[in-house]
């Protein structure tokens, strides 16, 4: 989005069906590159005992701060200089650059799972760490890369779905 936002806003600026449709299609492709891996990256970035809280708090606070104020900031940019239609695009590009820097600073290594657990973080409540988890074999004899919960007993009423 750092590079794509100005191009997309330029296409939207024409106010015609063709360029706007192309801009929306390109925007959808850009968002697929974010929306596809983002949930996996967020979930695998936290140990199970804090996963829901960490993902929910982090995602929602950032969305409220930057997503919630984006229309206000974009309106203020356009109101300050109506001829400069790329102003909001530069704001989006700046936020994308900030997000890229934050992701780059995250101590997550591609191919690992639950980096907080793997680096020896302890929970103090006896929760399992990566060393305590049994990996299950796949059909070709390789091991799966993450913890697998035991299947609940079909007659166990505490695990009804």
N, C-alpha and C. Protein backbone atom coordinates (compact mmCIF):
# COMPACT_ATOMS: atom_id res chain seq x y z
N UNK A 1 0.81 -1.19 0.00
CA UNK A 1 0.00 0.00 0.00
C UNK A 1 0.86 1.26 0.00
N UNK A 2 2.11 1.15 0.39
CA UNK A 2 2.98 2.32 0.40
C UNK A 2 3.06 2.91 -1.00
N UNK A 3 3.24 2.06 -1.99
CA UNK A 3 3.35 2.51 -3.38
C UNK A 3 1.99 2.57 -4.06
N UNK A 4 1.11 1.65 -3.73
CA UNK A 4 -0.17 1.53 -4.44
C UNK A 4 -1.16 2.64 -4.11
N UNK A 5 -1.14 3.18 -2.91
CA UNK A 5 -2.15 4.17 -2.51
C UNK A 5 -2.17 5.40 -3.43
N UNK A 6 -1.03 6.01 -3.76
CA UNK A 6 -1.11 7.15 -4.68
C UNK A 6 -1.67 6.76 -6.05
N UNK A 7 -1.29 5.60 -6.57
CA UNK A 7 -1.82 5.15 -7.85
C UNK A 7 -3.34 4.96 -7.77
N UNK A 8 -3.81 4.34 -6.71
CA UNK A 8 -5.24 4.10 -6.55
C UNK A 8 -6.01 5.41 -6.44
N UNK A 9 -5.51 6.35 -5.65
CA UNK A 9 -6.20 7.63 -5.51
C UNK A 9 -6.17 8.41 -6.83
N UNK A 10 -5.11 8.25 -7.60
CA UNK A 10 -5.04 8.89 -8.92
C UNK A 10 -6.13 8.32 -9.82
N UNK A 11 -6.31 6.99 -9.78
CA UNK A 11 -7.38 6.37 -10.58
C UNK A 11 -8.76 6.81 -10.11
N UNK A 12 -8.96 6.96 -8.81
CA UNK A 12 -10.25 7.39 -8.28
C UNK A 12 -10.55 8.85 -8.66
N UNK A 13 -9.50 9.64 -8.81
CA UNK A 13 -9.66 11.07 -9.06
C UNK A 13 -10.36 11.38 -10.38
N UNK A 14 -10.28 10.48 -11.36
CA UNK A 14 -10.89 10.73 -12.67
C UNK A 14 -12.41 10.84 -12.57
N UNK A 15 -13.00 10.11 -11.62
CA UNK A 15 -14.45 10.16 -11.46
C UNK A 15 -15.20 9.47 -12.59
N UNK A 16 -14.55 8.58 -13.29
CA UNK A 16 -15.18 7.83 -14.38
C UNK A 16 -15.24 6.37 -13.99
N UNK A 17 -16.16 5.64 -14.63
CA UNK A 17 -16.40 4.25 -14.26
C UNK A 17 -15.18 3.37 -14.50
N UNK A 18 -14.55 3.49 -15.66
CA UNK A 18 -13.42 2.62 -16.00
C UNK A 18 -12.25 2.73 -15.04
N UNK A 19 -11.68 3.93 -14.87
CA UNK A 19 -10.54 4.04 -13.94
C UNK A 19 -10.91 3.71 -12.49
N UNK A 20 -12.12 4.09 -12.09
CA UNK A 20 -12.54 3.80 -10.71
C UNK A 20 -12.68 2.30 -10.50
N UNK A 21 -13.25 1.59 -11.47
CA UNK A 21 -13.38 0.13 -11.38
C UNK A 21 -12.01 -0.53 -11.32
N UNK A 22 -11.10 -0.06 -12.16
CA UNK A 22 -9.73 -0.59 -12.14
C UNK A 22 -9.08 -0.32 -10.78
N UNK A 23 -9.28 0.87 -10.23
CA UNK A 23 -8.73 1.21 -8.91
C UNK A 23 -9.28 0.33 -7.81
N UNK A 24 -10.60 0.08 -7.85
CA UNK A 24 -11.22 -0.78 -6.83
C UNK A 24 -10.69 -2.21 -6.96
N UNK A 25 -10.54 -2.70 -8.20
CA UNK A 25 -10.01 -4.06 -8.40
C UNK A 25 -8.57 -4.17 -7.89
N UNK A 26 -7.74 -3.17 -8.20
CA UNK A 26 -6.36 -3.19 -7.70
C UNK A 26 -6.31 -3.07 -6.19
N UNK A 27 -7.22 -2.28 -5.63
CA UNK A 27 -7.29 -2.16 -4.17
C UNK A 27 -7.66 -3.50 -3.54
N UNK A 28 -8.58 -4.23 -4.17
CA UNK A 28 -8.96 -5.55 -3.65
C UNK A 28 -7.77 -6.51 -3.68
N UNK A 29 -6.97 -6.44 -4.72
CA UNK A 29 -5.78 -7.30 -4.79
C UNK A 29 -4.80 -6.93 -3.68
N UNK A 30 -4.58 -5.64 -3.48
CA UNK A 30 -3.68 -5.20 -2.39
C UNK A 30 -4.19 -5.66 -1.03
N UNK A 31 -5.48 -5.55 -0.81
CA UNK A 31 -6.06 -5.95 0.47
C UNK A 31 -6.00 -7.47 0.66
N UNK A 32 -6.03 -8.23 -0.43
CA UNK A 32 -5.91 -9.69 -0.31
C UNK A 32 -4.52 -10.07 0.21
N UNK A 33 -3.50 -9.30 -0.19
CA UNK A 33 -2.15 -9.58 0.30
C UNK A 33 -2.04 -9.29 1.79
N UNK A 34 -2.88 -8.42 2.31
CA UNK A 34 -2.89 -8.11 3.74
C UNK A 34 -3.86 -9.03 4.48
N UNK A 35 -5.08 -9.12 3.96
CA UNK A 35 -6.14 -9.85 4.64
C UNK A 35 -5.93 -11.36 4.68
N UNK A 36 -5.16 -11.89 3.76
CA UNK A 36 -4.91 -13.33 3.75
C UNK A 36 -4.00 -13.78 4.88
N UNK A 37 -2.78 -13.27 4.95
CA UNK A 37 -1.85 -13.74 5.99
C UNK A 37 -2.02 -13.08 7.35
N UNK A 38 -2.72 -11.94 7.43
CA UNK A 38 -2.80 -11.21 8.70
C UNK A 38 -3.39 -12.03 9.85
N UNK A 39 -4.53 -12.71 9.67
CA UNK A 39 -5.06 -13.48 10.81
C UNK A 39 -4.09 -14.57 11.28
N UNK A 40 -3.44 -15.24 10.36
CA UNK A 40 -2.49 -16.28 10.75
C UNK A 40 -1.31 -15.67 11.48
N UNK A 41 -0.80 -14.57 10.98
CA UNK A 41 0.33 -13.91 11.62
C UNK A 41 -0.02 -13.47 13.04
N UNK A 42 -1.22 -12.92 13.21
CA UNK A 42 -1.62 -12.45 14.54
C UNK A 42 -1.80 -13.62 15.50
N UNK A 43 -2.47 -14.67 15.06
CA UNK A 43 -2.75 -15.80 15.95
C UNK A 43 -1.48 -16.56 16.31
N UNK A 44 -0.61 -16.77 15.35
CA UNK A 44 0.62 -17.52 15.63
C UNK A 44 1.64 -16.69 16.41
N UNK A 45 1.38 -15.43 16.56
CA UNK A 45 2.33 -14.57 17.26
C UNK A 45 2.19 -14.56 18.76
N UNK A 46 1.20 -15.26 19.29
CA UNK A 46 0.97 -15.23 20.73
C UNK A 46 0.75 -16.63 21.27
N UNK A 47 1.20 -16.90 22.49
CA UNK A 47 0.93 -18.20 23.10
C UNK A 47 -0.57 -18.35 23.38
N UNK A 48 -1.02 -19.57 23.47
CA UNK A 48 -2.45 -19.86 23.56
C UNK A 48 -3.13 -19.19 24.75
N UNK A 49 -2.44 -19.07 25.87
CA UNK A 49 -3.10 -18.56 27.07
C UNK A 49 -3.41 -17.07 27.01
N UNK A 50 -2.82 -16.32 26.08
CA UNK A 50 -3.14 -14.89 25.93
C UNK A 50 -3.59 -14.54 24.51
N UNK A 51 -3.74 -15.53 23.67
CA UNK A 51 -3.96 -15.30 22.24
C UNK A 51 -5.18 -14.43 21.95
N UNK A 52 -6.35 -14.79 22.45
CA UNK A 52 -7.56 -14.04 22.12
C UNK A 52 -7.47 -12.60 22.62
N UNK A 53 -7.03 -12.42 23.84
CA UNK A 53 -6.93 -11.08 24.39
C UNK A 53 -5.89 -10.24 23.64
N UNK A 54 -4.74 -10.81 23.39
CA UNK A 54 -3.67 -10.06 22.73
C UNK A 54 -4.07 -9.64 21.32
N UNK A 55 -4.64 -10.56 20.56
CA UNK A 55 -5.06 -10.23 19.20
C UNK A 55 -6.20 -9.22 19.22
N UNK A 56 -7.20 -9.45 20.07
CA UNK A 56 -8.36 -8.56 20.11
C UNK A 56 -7.98 -7.15 20.54
N UNK A 57 -7.21 -7.05 21.60
CA UNK A 57 -6.83 -5.72 22.10
C UNK A 57 -5.93 -5.00 21.09
N UNK A 58 -4.92 -5.69 20.61
CA UNK A 58 -4.00 -5.06 19.66
C UNK A 58 -4.69 -4.64 18.38
N UNK A 59 -5.44 -5.52 17.79
CA UNK A 59 -6.11 -5.22 16.52
C UNK A 59 -7.14 -4.11 16.67
N UNK A 60 -7.96 -4.19 17.69
CA UNK A 60 -9.04 -3.21 17.84
C UNK A 60 -8.55 -1.84 18.26
N UNK A 61 -7.53 -1.75 19.08
CA UNK A 61 -7.00 -0.43 19.45
C UNK A 61 -6.39 0.26 18.23
N UNK A 62 -5.59 -0.48 17.48
CA UNK A 62 -4.96 0.11 16.29
C UNK A 62 -6.02 0.48 15.25
N UNK A 63 -7.03 -0.37 15.06
CA UNK A 63 -8.10 -0.06 14.12
C UNK A 63 -8.88 1.17 14.56
N UNK A 64 -9.16 1.29 15.84
CA UNK A 64 -9.89 2.46 16.33
C UNK A 64 -9.08 3.74 16.17
N UNK A 65 -7.80 3.68 16.50
CA UNK A 65 -6.98 4.89 16.43
C UNK A 65 -6.76 5.33 14.98
N UNK A 66 -6.29 4.43 14.15
CA UNK A 66 -5.93 4.82 12.79
C UNK A 66 -7.10 4.72 11.81
N UNK A 67 -7.88 3.67 11.91
CA UNK A 67 -9.05 3.55 11.03
C UNK A 67 -10.16 4.51 11.40
N UNK A 68 -10.35 4.73 12.69
CA UNK A 68 -11.41 5.62 13.14
C UNK A 68 -11.15 7.08 12.85
N UNK A 69 -9.89 7.46 12.85
CA UNK A 69 -9.56 8.86 12.59
C UNK A 69 -9.24 9.13 11.12
N UNK A 70 -9.14 8.11 10.30
CA UNK A 70 -8.77 8.29 8.89
C UNK A 70 -9.72 9.22 8.14
N UNK A 71 -11.05 9.09 8.27
CA UNK A 71 -11.92 10.03 7.55
C UNK A 71 -11.71 11.48 8.00
N UNK A 72 -11.52 11.69 9.29
CA UNK A 72 -11.28 13.04 9.80
C UNK A 72 -9.99 13.62 9.24
N UNK A 73 -8.93 12.82 9.26
CA UNK A 73 -7.63 13.29 8.77
C UNK A 73 -7.70 13.54 7.26
N UNK A 74 -8.32 12.62 6.51
CA UNK A 74 -8.44 12.79 5.06
C UNK A 74 -9.25 14.04 4.72
N UNK A 75 -10.33 14.27 5.44
CA UNK A 75 -11.15 15.47 5.22
C UNK A 75 -10.35 16.73 5.52
N UNK A 76 -9.58 16.72 6.59
CA UNK A 76 -8.77 17.88 6.95
C UNK A 76 -7.69 18.15 5.90
N UNK A 77 -7.09 17.09 5.37
CA UNK A 77 -6.07 17.25 4.34
C UNK A 77 -6.67 17.86 3.08
N UNK A 78 -7.82 17.35 2.65
CA UNK A 78 -8.47 17.86 1.45
C UNK A 78 -8.97 19.29 1.67
N UNK A 79 -9.51 19.58 2.87
CA UNK A 79 -9.99 20.93 3.17
C UNK A 79 -8.84 21.95 3.17
N UNK A 80 -7.68 21.53 3.60
CA UNK A 80 -6.53 22.44 3.64
C UNK A 80 -6.01 22.77 2.25
N UNK A 81 -6.10 21.81 1.33
CA UNK A 81 -5.62 22.03 -0.04
C UNK A 81 -6.47 21.19 -1.00
N UNK A 82 -7.61 21.72 -1.45
CA UNK A 82 -8.52 20.94 -2.30
C UNK A 82 -7.91 20.48 -3.62
N UNK A 83 -6.94 21.18 -4.14
CA UNK A 83 -6.34 20.80 -5.43
C UNK A 83 -5.40 19.60 -5.29
N UNK A 84 -4.94 19.33 -4.07
CA UNK A 84 -3.99 18.24 -3.86
C UNK A 84 -4.76 16.98 -3.48
N UNK A 85 -5.26 16.27 -4.49
CA UNK A 85 -6.09 15.09 -4.26
C UNK A 85 -5.29 13.90 -3.76
N UNK A 86 -3.97 13.93 -3.84
CA UNK A 86 -3.16 12.81 -3.35
C UNK A 86 -2.82 12.93 -1.87
N UNK A 87 -3.29 13.96 -1.21
CA UNK A 87 -3.03 14.12 0.22
C UNK A 87 -3.46 12.92 1.05
N UNK A 88 -4.72 12.47 0.92
CA UNK A 88 -5.12 11.28 1.67
C UNK A 88 -4.32 10.04 1.29
N UNK A 89 -3.89 9.95 0.04
CA UNK A 89 -3.08 8.81 -0.39
C UNK A 89 -1.74 8.79 0.32
N UNK A 90 -1.17 9.97 0.51
CA UNK A 90 0.11 10.04 1.23
C UNK A 90 -0.07 9.68 2.70
N UNK A 91 -1.23 10.02 3.27
CA UNK A 91 -1.53 9.61 4.65
C UNK A 91 -1.61 8.09 4.74
N UNK A 92 -2.32 7.47 3.79
CA UNK A 92 -2.42 6.00 3.77
C UNK A 92 -1.04 5.38 3.57
N UNK A 93 -0.25 5.95 2.66
CA UNK A 93 1.10 5.44 2.43
C UNK A 93 1.97 5.56 3.68
N UNK A 94 1.84 6.67 4.38
CA UNK A 94 2.60 6.84 5.62
C UNK A 94 2.23 5.82 6.67
N UNK A 95 0.94 5.55 6.81
CA UNK A 95 0.50 4.53 7.78
C UNK A 95 0.97 3.14 7.36
N UNK A 96 0.95 2.86 6.04
CA UNK A 96 1.44 1.57 5.57
C UNK A 96 2.93 1.43 5.83
N UNK A 97 3.67 2.51 5.66
CA UNK A 97 5.10 2.49 5.95
C UNK A 97 5.35 2.27 7.45
N UNK A 98 4.55 2.92 8.29
CA UNK A 98 4.65 2.72 9.74
C UNK A 98 4.35 1.27 10.11
N UNK A 99 3.30 0.71 9.52
CA UNK A 99 2.94 -0.69 9.79
C UNK A 99 4.05 -1.64 9.34
N UNK A 100 4.66 -1.35 8.20
CA UNK A 100 5.76 -2.18 7.71
C UNK A 100 6.94 -2.15 8.68
N UNK A 101 7.23 -0.97 9.21
CA UNK A 101 8.33 -0.85 10.18
C UNK A 101 8.02 -1.62 11.45
N UNK A 102 6.79 -1.56 11.93
CA UNK A 102 6.40 -2.28 13.14
C UNK A 102 6.49 -3.78 12.92
N UNK A 103 5.98 -4.23 11.78
CA UNK A 103 6.06 -5.67 11.48
C UNK A 103 7.50 -6.11 11.37
N UNK A 104 8.34 -5.28 10.76
CA UNK A 104 9.76 -5.62 10.63
C UNK A 104 10.47 -5.69 11.97
N UNK A 105 9.99 -4.92 12.94
CA UNK A 105 10.61 -4.93 14.27
C UNK A 105 10.09 -6.04 15.16
N UNK A 106 9.05 -6.74 14.73
CA UNK A 106 8.47 -7.82 15.52
C UNK A 106 9.42 -9.02 15.51
N UNK A 107 9.70 -9.60 16.66
CA UNK A 107 10.65 -10.72 16.72
C UNK A 107 10.03 -12.04 16.29
N UNK A 108 9.37 -12.02 15.16
CA UNK A 108 8.72 -13.22 14.62
C UNK A 108 9.57 -13.73 13.48
N UNK A 109 9.91 -15.00 13.50
CA UNK A 109 10.72 -15.59 12.46
C UNK A 109 9.83 -16.47 11.60
N UNK A 110 9.89 -16.29 10.30
CA UNK A 110 9.05 -17.07 9.39
C UNK A 110 9.34 -18.55 9.59
N UNK A 111 8.28 -19.32 9.68
CA UNK A 111 8.41 -20.76 9.85
C UNK A 111 8.32 -21.21 11.29
N UNK A 112 8.23 -20.29 12.24
CA UNK A 112 8.09 -20.69 13.63
C UNK A 112 6.64 -20.49 14.04
N UNK A 113 6.31 -21.02 15.18
CA UNK A 113 4.96 -20.90 15.69
C UNK A 113 5.05 -20.47 17.14
N UNK A 114 4.24 -19.49 17.51
CA UNK A 114 4.20 -19.00 18.89
C UNK A 114 5.59 -18.61 19.39
N UNK A 115 6.15 -17.57 18.78
CA UNK A 115 7.52 -17.20 19.10
C UNK A 115 7.72 -16.86 20.56
N UNK A 116 6.70 -16.40 21.26
CA UNK A 116 6.87 -16.10 22.68
C UNK A 116 7.12 -17.38 23.47
N UNK A 117 6.44 -18.46 23.09
CA UNK A 117 6.65 -19.72 23.78
C UNK A 117 8.02 -20.29 23.42
N UNK A 118 8.40 -20.18 22.16
CA UNK A 118 9.65 -20.81 21.73
C UNK A 118 10.87 -20.11 22.31
N UNK A 119 10.73 -18.86 22.68
CA UNK A 119 11.87 -18.16 23.26
C UNK A 119 11.89 -18.30 24.78
N UNK A 120 11.07 -19.19 25.33
CA UNK A 120 11.15 -19.51 26.74
C UNK A 120 10.26 -18.69 27.64
N UNK A 121 9.27 -18.00 27.09
CA UNK A 121 8.36 -17.26 27.95
C UNK A 121 7.58 -18.24 28.81
N UNK A 122 7.47 -17.97 30.07
CA UNK A 122 6.73 -18.85 30.95
C UNK A 122 5.44 -18.18 31.38
N UNK A 123 4.46 -18.98 31.65
CA UNK A 123 3.15 -18.42 32.00
C UNK A 123 2.94 -18.37 33.49
N UNK A 124 3.67 -19.16 34.23
CA UNK A 124 3.49 -19.19 35.67
C UNK A 124 2.27 -19.99 36.10
N UNK A 125 1.48 -20.45 35.14
CA UNK A 125 0.28 -21.22 35.51
C UNK A 125 0.35 -22.66 35.01
N UNK A 126 1.54 -23.08 34.62
CA UNK A 126 1.69 -24.47 34.18
C UNK A 126 1.28 -24.70 32.74
N UNK A 127 1.05 -23.65 31.97
CA UNK A 127 0.66 -23.82 30.57
C UNK A 127 1.81 -24.45 29.78
N UNK A 128 1.45 -25.16 28.76
CA UNK A 128 2.45 -25.86 27.95
C UNK A 128 3.30 -24.87 27.17
N UNK A 129 4.56 -25.22 27.01
CA UNK A 129 5.45 -24.46 26.13
C UNK A 129 5.69 -25.30 24.89
N UNK A 130 6.42 -24.75 23.94
CA UNK A 130 6.66 -25.46 22.69
C UNK A 130 7.39 -26.79 22.94
N UNK A 131 8.22 -26.85 23.99
CA UNK A 131 8.95 -28.08 24.27
C UNK A 131 8.04 -29.18 24.83
N UNK A 132 6.89 -28.80 25.39
CA UNK A 132 5.99 -29.77 26.00
C UNK A 132 4.97 -30.36 25.04
N UNK A 133 4.93 -29.86 23.82
CA UNK A 133 3.89 -30.24 22.89
C UNK A 133 4.34 -31.42 22.03
N UNK A 134 3.47 -32.39 21.90
CA UNK A 134 3.76 -33.55 21.05
C UNK A 134 3.32 -33.21 19.63
N UNK A 135 4.21 -33.44 18.66
CA UNK A 135 3.87 -33.19 17.27
C UNK A 135 3.34 -34.47 16.66
N UNK A 136 2.28 -34.38 15.92
CA UNK A 136 1.66 -35.54 15.31
C UNK A 136 2.21 -35.77 13.91
N UNK A 137 2.42 -37.03 13.52
CA UNK A 137 2.93 -37.30 12.18
C UNK A 137 1.84 -37.09 11.13
N UNK A 138 2.27 -36.69 9.94
CA UNK A 138 1.35 -36.55 8.81
C UNK A 138 1.33 -37.86 8.04
N UNK A 139 0.55 -37.90 6.97
CA UNK A 139 0.43 -39.14 6.19
C UNK A 139 1.75 -39.55 5.54
N UNK A 140 2.66 -38.59 5.32
CA UNK A 140 3.94 -38.94 4.68
C UNK A 140 5.07 -39.12 5.70
N UNK A 141 4.75 -39.13 6.99
CA UNK A 141 5.74 -39.37 8.01
C UNK A 141 6.37 -38.11 8.59
N UNK A 142 6.12 -36.96 7.97
CA UNK A 142 6.66 -35.70 8.51
C UNK A 142 5.84 -35.29 9.72
N UNK A 143 6.35 -34.33 10.47
CA UNK A 143 5.63 -33.86 11.65
C UNK A 143 4.94 -32.54 11.35
N UNK A 144 3.76 -32.37 11.93
CA UNK A 144 3.06 -31.10 11.82
C UNK A 144 3.80 -30.07 12.65
N UNK A 145 3.69 -28.80 12.30
CA UNK A 145 4.48 -27.78 12.95
C UNK A 145 3.88 -27.13 14.17
N UNK A 146 2.83 -27.64 14.73
CA UNK A 146 2.26 -26.95 15.88
C UNK A 146 1.52 -27.88 16.80
N UNK A 147 1.11 -27.34 17.94
CA UNK A 147 0.40 -28.18 18.91
C UNK A 147 -0.96 -28.59 18.39
N UNK A 148 -1.34 -29.78 18.74
CA UNK A 148 -2.64 -30.30 18.32
C UNK A 148 -3.39 -30.74 19.57
N UNK A 149 -4.58 -30.21 19.74
CA UNK A 149 -5.38 -30.55 20.91
C UNK A 149 -6.00 -31.93 20.71
N UNK A 150 -6.18 -32.62 21.80
CA UNK A 150 -6.82 -33.92 21.74
C UNK A 150 -8.29 -33.75 21.36
N UNK A 151 -8.81 -34.68 20.59
CA UNK A 151 -10.22 -34.64 20.21
C UNK A 151 -11.08 -34.93 21.43
N UNK A 152 -12.13 -34.14 21.65
CA UNK A 152 -13.00 -34.43 22.79
C UNK A 152 -13.80 -35.71 22.57
N UNK A 153 -14.13 -36.35 23.65
CA UNK A 153 -14.95 -37.54 23.59
C UNK A 153 -16.32 -37.16 23.07
N UNK A 154 -16.86 -37.93 22.13
CA UNK A 154 -18.14 -37.60 21.51
C UNK A 154 -19.27 -37.61 22.53
N UNK A 155 -19.11 -38.34 23.63
CA UNK A 155 -20.16 -38.45 24.63
C UNK A 155 -19.91 -37.52 25.81
N UNK A 156 -18.86 -36.73 25.75
CA UNK A 156 -18.54 -35.83 26.84
C UNK A 156 -19.35 -34.54 26.67
N UNK A 157 -20.32 -34.30 27.56
CA UNK A 157 -21.22 -33.17 27.42
C UNK A 157 -20.55 -31.83 27.70
N UNK A 158 -19.35 -31.82 28.29
CA UNK A 158 -18.67 -30.56 28.56
C UNK A 158 -18.05 -29.99 27.29
N UNK A 159 -17.94 -30.79 26.24
CA UNK A 159 -17.33 -30.34 24.98
C UNK A 159 -18.37 -30.30 23.85
N UNK A 160 -19.61 -30.03 24.21
CA UNK A 160 -20.65 -29.94 23.18
C UNK A 160 -20.42 -28.69 22.34
N UNK A 161 -20.71 -28.77 21.06
CA UNK A 161 -20.46 -27.63 20.17
C UNK A 161 -21.75 -26.95 19.82
